[in-house]
């Protein structure tokens, strides 16, 4: 019997990420101001920063290549990611809870719109255009990219290869050091 774990394919992995972030959004919406809510918000920042990076590094180049309208779909998604990164950055630097809460409402709306488009339009098109083995391989690449992805938003960093890959590795190293310092 083998110990190998079957990796989710690209769509399964990304939809799992979407569901996890949505669950955090629902919890944030129901919690009063305090440490638990702040930790959830930091978790959302981390998860969305990682998720945007891996989509930009792995998914969108594949979309551009595999779909006839891939260039337009990928560019629209990257533009939406840019808005999310800018909002995440503003949330991180927000001084007042009311300012942060207004930004969170914008963030949740934008992310929910983006997820809806991906899950109803982009993912079905991609699944129809490429085979299961290619989706499986892409899932492995996405999982690997997660380990090297930045954990904070970097709205001024490149968002297409090769710049986002090189910049992402450097940003991730800085973010991981920053995160470690905050824990200590």
N, C-alpha and C. Protein backbone atom coordinates (compact mmCIF):
# COMPACT_ATOMS: atom_id res chain seq x y z
N UNK A 1 0.84 -1.18 0.00
CA UNK A 1 0.00 0.00 0.00
C UNK A 1 0.89 1.25 0.00
N UNK A 2 0.54 2.22 -0.79
CA UNK A 2 1.34 3.43 -0.96
C UNK A 2 0.91 4.52 0.02
N UNK A 3 1.90 5.34 0.43
CA UNK A 3 1.63 6.45 1.33
C UNK A 3 1.38 7.75 0.58
N UNK A 4 1.45 7.72 -0.73
CA UNK A 4 1.31 8.96 -1.49
C UNK A 4 -0.11 9.50 -1.38
N UNK A 5 -0.20 10.79 -1.14
CA UNK A 5 -1.48 11.47 -1.06
C UNK A 5 -1.79 12.03 -2.44
N UNK A 6 -3.00 11.85 -2.86
CA UNK A 6 -3.39 12.40 -4.16
C UNK A 6 -3.65 13.89 -3.99
N UNK A 7 -2.94 14.68 -4.79
CA UNK A 7 -3.11 16.13 -4.78
C UNK A 7 -4.44 16.47 -5.45
N UNK A 8 -5.10 17.51 -4.95
CA UNK A 8 -6.29 17.97 -5.68
C UNK A 8 -5.86 18.57 -7.01
N UNK A 9 -6.77 18.54 -7.97
CA UNK A 9 -6.44 19.20 -9.23
C UNK A 9 -6.53 20.71 -9.01
N UNK A 10 -6.15 21.48 -10.02
CA UNK A 10 -6.07 22.93 -9.89
C UNK A 10 -7.40 23.55 -9.46
N UNK A 11 -8.46 23.13 -10.09
CA UNK A 11 -9.77 23.71 -9.79
C UNK A 11 -10.20 23.35 -8.37
N UNK A 12 -10.00 22.10 -7.98
CA UNK A 12 -10.36 21.68 -6.61
C UNK A 12 -9.57 22.48 -5.58
N UNK A 13 -8.27 22.64 -5.80
CA UNK A 13 -7.43 23.38 -4.86
C UNK A 13 -7.90 24.83 -4.74
N UNK A 14 -8.16 25.47 -5.86
CA UNK A 14 -8.57 26.88 -5.84
C UNK A 14 -9.97 27.05 -5.25
N UNK A 15 -10.87 26.13 -5.56
CA UNK A 15 -12.22 26.21 -4.97
C UNK A 15 -12.18 25.97 -3.46
N UNK A 16 -11.27 25.13 -2.99
CA UNK A 16 -11.10 24.93 -1.55
C UNK A 16 -10.61 26.22 -0.90
N UNK A 17 -9.65 26.88 -1.55
CA UNK A 17 -9.18 28.19 -1.05
C UNK A 17 -10.35 29.18 -0.98
N UNK A 18 -11.15 29.22 -2.04
CA UNK A 18 -12.29 30.14 -2.06
C UNK A 18 -13.22 29.87 -0.89
N UNK A 19 -13.52 28.61 -0.65
CA UNK A 19 -14.44 28.23 0.44
C UNK A 19 -13.87 28.62 1.80
N UNK A 20 -12.57 28.42 1.98
CA UNK A 20 -11.93 28.77 3.26
C UNK A 20 -11.99 30.28 3.51
N UNK A 21 -11.75 31.06 2.48
CA UNK A 21 -11.80 32.52 2.64
C UNK A 21 -13.24 32.96 2.91
N UNK A 22 -14.19 32.37 2.20
CA UNK A 22 -15.61 32.72 2.43
C UNK A 22 -16.00 32.39 3.87
N UNK A 23 -15.54 31.27 4.39
CA UNK A 23 -15.83 30.91 5.78
C UNK A 23 -15.25 31.96 6.74
N UNK A 24 -14.05 32.44 6.45
CA UNK A 24 -13.46 33.49 7.29
C UNK A 24 -14.26 34.79 7.18
N UNK A 25 -14.73 35.12 5.97
CA UNK A 25 -15.56 36.32 5.79
C UNK A 25 -16.81 36.24 6.66
N UNK A 26 -17.48 35.11 6.64
CA UNK A 26 -18.71 34.93 7.41
C UNK A 26 -18.43 35.10 8.90
N UNK A 27 -17.32 34.54 9.36
CA UNK A 27 -16.95 34.69 10.77
C UNK A 27 -16.65 36.15 11.10
N UNK A 28 -15.92 36.83 10.23
CA UNK A 28 -15.59 38.25 10.46
C UNK A 28 -16.87 39.07 10.56
N UNK A 29 -17.82 38.78 9.66
CA UNK A 29 -19.08 39.54 9.65
C UNK A 29 -19.87 39.34 10.94
N UNK A 30 -19.67 38.21 11.62
CA UNK A 30 -20.47 37.92 12.81
C UNK A 30 -19.76 38.25 14.13
N UNK A 31 -18.48 38.57 14.07
CA UNK A 31 -17.73 38.83 15.30
C UNK A 31 -17.65 40.32 15.62
N UNK A 32 -17.70 40.65 16.92
CA UNK A 32 -17.47 42.04 17.32
C UNK A 32 -15.96 42.35 17.24
N UNK A 33 -15.64 43.60 17.30
CA UNK A 33 -14.24 44.04 17.31
C UNK A 33 -13.52 43.33 18.46
N UNK A 34 -12.30 42.88 18.20
CA UNK A 34 -11.53 42.20 19.23
C UNK A 34 -10.43 41.36 18.63
N UNK A 35 -9.71 40.65 19.49
CA UNK A 35 -8.55 39.86 19.06
C UNK A 35 -8.92 38.75 18.07
N UNK A 36 -10.02 38.05 18.32
CA UNK A 36 -10.42 36.95 17.42
C UNK A 36 -10.70 37.47 16.01
N UNK A 37 -11.40 38.58 15.94
CA UNK A 37 -11.72 39.18 14.64
C UNK A 37 -10.45 39.66 13.95
N UNK A 38 -9.57 40.29 14.71
CA UNK A 38 -8.30 40.78 14.15
C UNK A 38 -7.48 39.62 13.60
N UNK A 39 -7.44 38.51 14.33
CA UNK A 39 -6.70 37.33 13.85
C UNK A 39 -7.31 36.79 12.56
N UNK A 40 -8.63 36.78 12.48
CA UNK A 40 -9.30 36.32 11.25
C UNK A 40 -8.96 37.25 10.07
N UNK A 41 -8.96 38.54 10.33
CA UNK A 41 -8.63 39.50 9.27
C UNK A 41 -7.20 39.28 8.80
N UNK A 42 -6.28 39.05 9.73
CA UNK A 42 -4.90 38.75 9.35
C UNK A 42 -4.83 37.45 8.55
N UNK A 43 -5.66 36.48 8.91
CA UNK A 43 -5.73 35.23 8.16
C UNK A 43 -6.23 35.45 6.74
N UNK A 44 -7.23 36.30 6.58
CA UNK A 44 -7.75 36.63 5.25
C UNK A 44 -6.67 37.30 4.41
N UNK A 45 -5.95 38.23 5.02
CA UNK A 45 -4.87 38.91 4.30
C UNK A 45 -3.84 37.90 3.82
N UNK A 46 -3.46 36.99 4.70
CA UNK A 46 -2.48 35.97 4.36
C UNK A 46 -3.00 35.07 3.24
N UNK A 47 -4.19 34.54 3.42
CA UNK A 47 -4.75 33.59 2.44
C UNK A 47 -4.96 34.23 1.08
N UNK A 48 -5.50 35.45 1.05
CA UNK A 48 -5.73 36.10 -0.24
C UNK A 48 -4.43 36.51 -0.92
N UNK A 49 -3.43 36.89 -0.13
CA UNK A 49 -2.12 37.23 -0.71
C UNK A 49 -1.49 36.02 -1.37
N UNK A 50 -1.53 34.89 -0.68
CA UNK A 50 -0.99 33.64 -1.23
C UNK A 50 -1.80 33.22 -2.46
N UNK A 51 -3.12 33.24 -2.33
CA UNK A 51 -4.00 32.79 -3.40
C UNK A 51 -3.81 33.62 -4.68
N UNK A 52 -3.77 34.93 -4.54
CA UNK A 52 -3.59 35.78 -5.72
C UNK A 52 -2.25 35.48 -6.39
N UNK A 53 -1.22 35.29 -5.59
CA UNK A 53 0.10 35.01 -6.13
C UNK A 53 0.12 33.72 -6.93
N UNK A 54 -0.43 32.67 -6.38
CA UNK A 54 -0.36 31.38 -7.10
C UNK A 54 -1.22 31.39 -8.35
N UNK A 55 -2.34 32.09 -8.31
CA UNK A 55 -3.15 32.19 -9.53
C UNK A 55 -2.38 32.95 -10.61
N UNK A 56 -1.73 34.03 -10.21
CA UNK A 56 -1.00 34.84 -11.18
C UNK A 56 0.23 34.11 -11.73
N UNK A 57 0.84 33.27 -10.92
CA UNK A 57 2.04 32.55 -11.36
C UNK A 57 1.73 31.30 -12.17
N UNK A 58 0.64 30.62 -11.85
CA UNK A 58 0.38 29.31 -12.45
C UNK A 58 -0.91 29.29 -13.28
N UNK A 59 -2.01 29.71 -12.68
CA UNK A 59 -3.31 29.59 -13.35
C UNK A 59 -3.45 30.48 -14.57
N UNK A 60 -3.21 31.77 -14.41
CA UNK A 60 -3.49 32.70 -15.51
C UNK A 60 -2.59 32.49 -16.73
N UNK A 61 -1.31 32.13 -16.57
CA UNK A 61 -0.55 31.78 -17.78
C UNK A 61 -1.17 30.58 -18.52
N UNK A 62 -1.69 29.61 -17.78
CA UNK A 62 -2.33 28.45 -18.40
C UNK A 62 -3.63 28.86 -19.09
N UNK A 63 -4.38 29.76 -18.46
CA UNK A 63 -5.63 30.26 -19.05
C UNK A 63 -5.33 30.98 -20.37
N UNK A 64 -4.30 31.81 -20.35
CA UNK A 64 -3.91 32.54 -21.57
C UNK A 64 -3.60 31.58 -22.71
N UNK A 65 -2.93 30.49 -22.38
CA UNK A 65 -2.49 29.52 -23.38
C UNK A 65 -3.63 28.60 -23.85
N UNK A 66 -4.50 28.21 -22.94
CA UNK A 66 -5.49 27.17 -23.25
C UNK A 66 -6.80 27.67 -23.84
N UNK A 67 -7.17 28.92 -23.56
CA UNK A 67 -8.49 29.40 -23.96
C UNK A 67 -8.40 30.45 -25.05
N UNK A 68 -9.32 30.41 -26.01
CA UNK A 68 -9.31 31.42 -27.07
C UNK A 68 -9.47 32.85 -26.51
N UNK A 69 -10.27 33.00 -25.46
CA UNK A 69 -10.44 34.31 -24.82
C UNK A 69 -9.61 34.41 -23.55
N UNK A 70 -8.58 33.56 -23.46
CA UNK A 70 -7.76 33.48 -22.25
C UNK A 70 -7.06 34.77 -21.89
N UNK A 71 -6.57 35.50 -22.88
CA UNK A 71 -5.88 36.76 -22.60
C UNK A 71 -6.82 37.73 -21.88
N UNK A 72 -8.02 37.89 -22.41
CA UNK A 72 -8.99 38.82 -21.80
C UNK A 72 -9.42 38.34 -20.41
N UNK A 73 -9.68 37.04 -20.27
CA UNK A 73 -10.09 36.49 -18.97
C UNK A 73 -8.99 36.66 -17.92
N UNK A 74 -7.76 36.35 -18.32
CA UNK A 74 -6.63 36.47 -17.38
C UNK A 74 -6.41 37.93 -17.00
N UNK A 75 -6.48 38.82 -17.98
CA UNK A 75 -6.24 40.24 -17.67
C UNK A 75 -7.32 40.80 -16.75
N UNK A 76 -8.56 40.42 -16.98
CA UNK A 76 -9.65 40.87 -16.10
C UNK A 76 -9.41 40.38 -14.66
N UNK A 77 -9.01 39.12 -14.54
CA UNK A 77 -8.76 38.55 -13.21
C UNK A 77 -7.58 39.26 -12.54
N UNK A 78 -6.54 39.54 -13.30
CA UNK A 78 -5.37 40.24 -12.74
C UNK A 78 -5.75 41.64 -12.30
N UNK A 79 -6.58 42.31 -13.08
CA UNK A 79 -7.05 43.65 -12.69
C UNK A 79 -7.85 43.58 -11.38
N UNK A 80 -8.68 42.55 -11.26
CA UNK A 80 -9.45 42.37 -10.01
C UNK A 80 -8.52 42.06 -8.85
N UNK A 81 -7.49 41.26 -9.09
CA UNK A 81 -6.50 40.97 -8.04
C UNK A 81 -5.81 42.25 -7.59
N UNK A 82 -5.50 43.12 -8.53
CA UNK A 82 -4.82 44.37 -8.19
C UNK A 82 -5.68 45.19 -7.21
N UNK A 83 -6.99 45.26 -7.49
CA UNK A 83 -7.89 45.98 -6.58
C UNK A 83 -7.88 45.32 -5.20
N UNK A 84 -7.90 44.00 -5.17
CA UNK A 84 -7.89 43.27 -3.90
C UNK A 84 -6.59 43.55 -3.14
N UNK A 85 -5.45 43.49 -3.84
CA UNK A 85 -4.16 43.73 -3.18
C UNK A 85 -4.10 45.15 -2.60
N UNK A 86 -4.61 46.11 -3.35
CA UNK A 86 -4.61 47.49 -2.86
C UNK A 86 -5.51 47.62 -1.63
N UNK A 87 -6.65 46.96 -1.64
CA UNK A 87 -7.55 46.99 -0.49
C UNK A 87 -6.93 46.27 0.70
N UNK A 88 -6.30 45.12 0.47
CA UNK A 88 -5.63 44.41 1.56
C UNK A 88 -4.54 45.27 2.19
N UNK A 89 -3.79 45.94 1.36
CA UNK A 89 -2.72 46.82 1.85
C UNK A 89 -3.31 47.95 2.69
N UNK A 90 -4.42 48.52 2.24
CA UNK A 90 -5.08 49.59 3.00
C UNK A 90 -5.64 49.05 4.32
N UNK A 91 -6.14 47.83 4.32
CA UNK A 91 -6.64 47.22 5.56
C UNK A 91 -5.49 47.05 6.55
N UNK A 92 -4.34 46.58 6.06
CA UNK A 92 -3.18 46.40 6.95
C UNK A 92 -2.74 47.72 7.58
N UNK A 93 -2.88 48.81 6.85
CA UNK A 93 -2.39 50.09 7.38
C UNK A 93 -3.49 50.96 7.98
N UNK A 94 -4.73 50.48 7.99
CA UNK A 94 -5.84 51.26 8.54
C UNK A 94 -5.63 51.50 10.03
N UNK A 95 -5.85 52.74 10.44
CA UNK A 95 -5.68 53.11 11.84
C UNK A 95 -6.93 52.84 12.68
N UNK A 96 -8.07 53.19 12.13
CA UNK A 96 -9.32 53.11 12.90
C UNK A 96 -10.13 51.88 12.50
N UNK A 97 -10.76 51.22 13.48
CA UNK A 97 -11.61 50.07 13.16
C UNK A 97 -12.71 50.39 12.15
N UNK A 98 -13.28 51.60 12.20
CA UNK A 98 -14.34 51.95 11.25
C UNK A 98 -13.78 52.04 9.83
N UNK A 99 -12.59 52.56 9.68
CA UNK A 99 -11.95 52.62 8.36
C UNK A 99 -11.68 51.20 7.85
N UNK A 100 -11.14 50.36 8.73
CA UNK A 100 -10.86 48.97 8.36
C UNK A 100 -12.13 48.24 7.98
N UNK A 101 -13.22 48.47 8.73
CA UNK A 101 -14.49 47.79 8.44
C UNK A 101 -15.06 48.21 7.08
N UNK A 102 -14.93 49.49 6.73
CA UNK A 102 -15.39 49.94 5.40
C UNK A 102 -14.58 49.26 4.31
N UNK A 103 -13.27 49.14 4.52
CA UNK A 103 -12.41 48.47 3.55
C UNK A 103 -12.75 46.98 3.45
N UNK A 104 -13.08 46.36 4.57
CA UNK A 104 -13.46 44.94 4.58
C UNK A 104 -14.73 44.70 3.77
N UNK A 105 -15.69 45.61 3.87
CA UNK A 105 -16.93 45.48 3.09
C UNK A 105 -16.59 45.50 1.59
N UNK A 106 -15.72 46.43 1.19
CA UNK A 106 -15.29 46.51 -0.21
C UNK A 106 -14.56 45.24 -0.62
N UNK A 107 -13.63 44.80 0.23
CA UNK A 107 -12.86 43.59 -0.05
C UNK A 107 -13.78 42.39 -0.26
N UNK A 108 -14.70 42.17 0.68
CA UNK A 108 -15.58 41.01 0.60
C UNK A 108 -16.42 41.05 -0.68
N UNK A 109 -16.92 42.20 -1.02
CA UNK A 109 -17.72 42.33 -2.24
C UNK A 109 -16.88 42.02 -3.48
N UNK A 110 -15.68 42.58 -3.54
CA UNK A 110 -14.81 42.34 -4.70
C UNK A 110 -14.37 40.89 -4.81
N UNK A 111 -14.02 40.29 -3.69
CA UNK A 111 -13.57 38.90 -3.70
C UNK A 111 -14.73 37.97 -4.08
N UNK A 112 -15.89 38.22 -3.52
CA UNK A 112 -17.05 37.37 -3.83
C UNK A 112 -17.40 37.46 -5.32
N UNK A 113 -17.32 38.64 -5.89
CA UNK A 113 -17.55 38.82 -7.33
C UNK A 113 -16.52 38.03 -8.14
N UNK A 114 -15.26 38.16 -7.77
CA UNK A 114 -14.16 37.49 -8.46
C UNK A 114 -14.33 35.96 -8.40
N UNK A 115 -14.65 35.46 -7.22
CA UNK A 115 -14.84 34.01 -7.03
C UNK A 115 -15.99 33.52 -7.90
N UNK A 116 -17.08 34.26 -7.90
CA UNK A 116 -18.24 33.89 -8.71
C UNK A 116 -17.85 33.77 -10.19
N UNK A 117 -17.11 34.74 -10.69
CA UNK A 117 -16.67 34.70 -12.09
C UNK A 117 -15.76 33.51 -12.37
N UNK A 118 -14.82 33.27 -11.46
CA UNK A 118 -13.91 32.14 -11.67
C UNK A 118 -14.66 30.82 -11.67
N UNK A 119 -15.52 30.64 -10.69
CA UNK A 119 -16.18 29.34 -10.52
C UNK A 119 -17.28 29.08 -11.55
N UNK A 120 -17.90 30.12 -12.09
CA UNK A 120 -18.97 29.90 -13.05
C UNK A 120 -18.53 30.07 -14.51
N UNK A 121 -17.45 30.82 -14.73
CA UNK A 121 -17.01 31.06 -16.11
C UNK A 121 -15.63 30.48 -16.39
N UNK A 122 -14.63 30.94 -15.66
CA UNK A 122 -13.25 30.58 -15.96
C UNK A 122 -12.97 29.09 -15.75
N UNK A 123 -13.30 28.56 -14.58
CA UNK A 123 -12.98 27.17 -14.27
C UNK A 123 -13.67 26.19 -15.22
N UNK A 124 -14.98 26.35 -15.50
CA UNK A 124 -15.59 25.42 -16.46
C UNK A 124 -14.93 25.47 -17.84
N UNK A 125 -14.58 26.65 -18.30
CA UNK A 125 -13.91 26.77 -19.60
C UNK A 125 -12.56 26.06 -19.57
N UNK A 126 -11.82 26.26 -18.48
CA UNK A 126 -10.50 25.65 -18.38
C UNK A 126 -10.62 24.12 -18.33
N UNK A 127 -11.57 23.62 -17.54
CA UNK A 127 -11.77 22.17 -17.44
C UNK A 127 -12.13 21.57 -18.80
N UNK A 128 -12.91 22.29 -19.58
CA UNK A 128 -13.30 21.80 -20.90
C UNK A 128 -12.14 21.84 -21.89
N UNK A 129 -11.20 22.76 -21.68
CA UNK A 129 -10.12 22.96 -22.64
C UNK A 129 -8.90 22.08 -22.39
N UNK A 130 -8.67 21.70 -21.14
CA UNK A 130 -7.48 20.88 -20.84
C UNK A 130 -7.89 19.60 -20.14
N UNK A 131 -7.06 18.62 -20.21
CA UNK A 131 -7.38 17.31 -19.66
C UNK A 131 -7.19 17.22 -18.16
N UNK A 132 -7.71 16.15 -17.60
CA UNK A 132 -7.63 15.89 -16.16
C UNK A 132 -6.18 15.80 -15.70
N UNK A 133 -5.32 15.18 -16.50
CA UNK A 133 -3.92 15.04 -16.07
C UNK A 133 -3.23 16.41 -16.03
N UNK A 134 -3.59 17.28 -16.95
CA UNK A 134 -3.01 18.63 -16.94
C UNK A 134 -3.52 19.43 -15.73
N UNK A 135 -4.81 19.27 -15.41
CA UNK A 135 -5.36 19.92 -14.22
C UNK A 135 -4.69 19.40 -12.96
N UNK A 136 -4.42 18.09 -12.93
CA UNK A 136 -3.75 17.46 -11.79
C UNK A 136 -2.33 18.03 -11.65
N UNK A 137 -1.62 18.11 -12.76
CA UNK A 137 -0.26 18.64 -12.75
C UNK A 137 -0.26 20.11 -12.29
N UNK A 138 -1.22 20.87 -12.78
CA UNK A 138 -1.34 22.28 -12.38
C UNK A 138 -1.65 22.39 -10.89
N UNK A 139 -2.46 21.47 -10.36
CA UNK A 139 -2.74 21.46 -8.93
C UNK A 139 -1.47 21.29 -8.12
N UNK A 140 -0.57 20.42 -8.58
CA UNK A 140 0.72 20.24 -7.91
C UNK A 140 1.57 21.50 -7.96
N UNK A 141 1.55 22.17 -9.11
CA UNK A 141 2.31 23.43 -9.24
C UNK A 141 1.75 24.51 -8.32
N UNK A 142 0.43 24.58 -8.24
CA UNK A 142 -0.20 25.56 -7.34
C UNK A 142 0.16 25.27 -5.88
N UNK A 143 0.10 24.00 -5.49
CA UNK A 143 0.44 23.61 -4.12
C UNK A 143 1.89 23.96 -3.80
N UNK A 144 2.79 23.71 -4.75
CA UNK A 144 4.21 24.05 -4.55
C UNK A 144 4.40 25.56 -4.46
N UNK A 145 3.68 26.30 -5.32
CA UNK A 145 3.81 27.76 -5.33
C UNK A 145 3.33 28.37 -4.01
N UNK A 146 2.35 27.72 -3.38
CA UNK A 146 1.85 28.22 -2.08
C UNK A 146 2.96 28.33 -1.05
N UNK A 147 3.87 27.36 -1.08
CA UNK A 147 4.95 27.32 -0.09
C UNK A 147 5.91 28.49 -0.24
N UNK A 148 5.98 29.07 -1.43
CA UNK A 148 6.93 30.15 -1.70
C UNK A 148 6.26 31.51 -1.88
N UNK A 149 4.95 31.56 -1.67
CA UNK A 149 4.19 32.79 -1.95
C UNK A 149 4.28 33.79 -0.80
N UNK A 150 4.22 35.08 -1.13
CA UNK A 150 4.16 36.12 -0.10
C UNK A 150 2.90 35.98 0.75
N UNK A 151 3.01 36.38 2.01
CA UNK A 151 1.87 36.28 2.94
C UNK A 151 1.22 37.64 3.21
N UNK A 152 1.69 38.66 2.53
CA UNK A 152 1.11 40.01 2.63
C UNK A 152 0.95 40.55 1.22
N UNK A 153 0.06 41.53 1.05
CA UNK A 153 -0.13 42.09 -0.29
C UNK A 153 1.06 42.95 -0.71
N UNK A 154 1.36 42.89 -1.99
CA UNK A 154 2.42 43.72 -2.57
C UNK A 154 1.86 44.33 -3.86
N UNK A 155 1.01 45.37 -3.71
CA UNK A 155 0.31 45.91 -4.87
C UNK A 155 1.22 46.53 -5.94
N UNK A 156 2.45 46.87 -5.59
CA UNK A 156 3.35 47.47 -6.56
C UNK A 156 4.27 46.46 -7.23
N UNK A 157 4.15 45.20 -6.86
CA UNK A 157 4.99 44.14 -7.45
C UNK A 157 4.39 43.72 -8.80
N UNK A 158 5.22 43.17 -9.68
CA UNK A 158 4.70 42.67 -10.96
C UNK A 158 3.68 41.56 -10.72
N UNK A 159 2.69 41.46 -11.63
CA UNK A 159 1.67 40.43 -11.46
C UNK A 159 1.59 39.45 -12.63
N UNK A 160 2.64 39.43 -13.45
CA UNK A 160 2.73 38.45 -14.52
C UNK A 160 4.15 37.88 -14.55
N UNK A 161 4.29 36.63 -15.04
CA UNK A 161 5.62 36.04 -15.14
C UNK A 161 6.47 36.78 -16.17
N UNK A 162 7.76 36.79 -16.00
CA UNK A 162 8.55 36.17 -14.94
C UNK A 162 8.72 37.06 -13.71
N UNK A 163 8.37 38.34 -13.84
CA UNK A 163 8.58 39.28 -12.74
C UNK A 163 7.89 38.89 -11.46
N UNK A 164 6.66 38.36 -11.57
CA UNK A 164 5.95 38.00 -10.34
C UNK A 164 6.55 36.79 -9.65
N UNK A 165 7.20 35.93 -10.39
CA UNK A 165 7.82 34.75 -9.78
C UNK A 165 9.07 35.16 -9.01
N UNK A 166 9.93 35.92 -9.66
CA UNK A 166 11.16 36.39 -9.00
C UNK A 166 10.81 37.32 -7.83
N UNK A 167 9.94 38.29 -8.10
CA UNK A 167 9.54 39.22 -7.04
C UNK A 167 8.80 38.54 -5.92
N UNK A 168 8.00 37.52 -6.27
CA UNK A 168 7.22 36.81 -5.25
C UNK A 168 8.10 36.06 -4.27
N UNK A 169 9.17 35.47 -4.78
CA UNK A 169 10.09 34.74 -3.89
C UNK A 169 10.76 35.71 -2.91
N UNK A 170 11.21 36.85 -3.42
CA UNK A 170 11.84 37.86 -2.55
C UNK A 170 10.83 38.41 -1.53
N UNK A 171 9.62 38.73 -2.01
CA UNK A 171 8.60 39.26 -1.11
C UNK A 171 8.21 38.24 -0.05
N UNK A 172 8.14 36.97 -0.44
CA UNK A 172 7.79 35.91 0.51
C UNK A 172 8.82 35.80 1.62
N UNK A 173 10.10 35.91 1.26
CA UNK A 173 11.17 35.84 2.28
C UNK A 173 11.03 36.99 3.27
N UNK A 174 10.75 38.17 2.76
CA UNK A 174 10.57 39.33 3.64
C UNK A 174 9.32 39.14 4.51
N UNK A 175 8.23 38.69 3.90
CA UNK A 175 6.98 38.49 4.64
C UNK A 175 7.14 37.45 5.74
N UNK A 176 7.81 36.36 5.43
CA UNK A 176 7.97 35.30 6.43
C UNK A 176 8.83 35.79 7.61
N UNK A 177 9.84 36.59 7.32
CA UNK A 177 10.65 37.18 8.40
C UNK A 177 9.79 38.14 9.23
N UNK A 178 9.01 38.95 8.55
CA UNK A 178 8.11 39.90 9.23
C UNK A 178 7.10 39.14 10.11
N UNK A 179 6.54 38.07 9.58
CA UNK A 179 5.57 37.28 10.35
C UNK A 179 6.23 36.65 11.58
N UNK A 180 7.45 36.16 11.41
CA UNK A 180 8.17 35.54 12.54
C UNK A 180 8.45 36.57 13.63
N UNK A 181 8.80 37.77 13.26
CA UNK A 181 9.07 38.83 14.23
C UNK A 181 7.81 39.21 15.00
N UNK A 182 6.67 39.21 14.33
CA UNK A 182 5.40 39.54 14.99
C UNK A 182 5.02 38.48 16.03
N UNK A 183 5.38 37.21 15.75
CA UNK A 183 5.05 36.13 16.69
C UNK A 183 5.91 36.18 17.94
N UNK A 184 7.13 36.64 17.78
CA UNK A 184 8.07 36.63 18.93
C UNK A 184 7.83 37.75 19.90
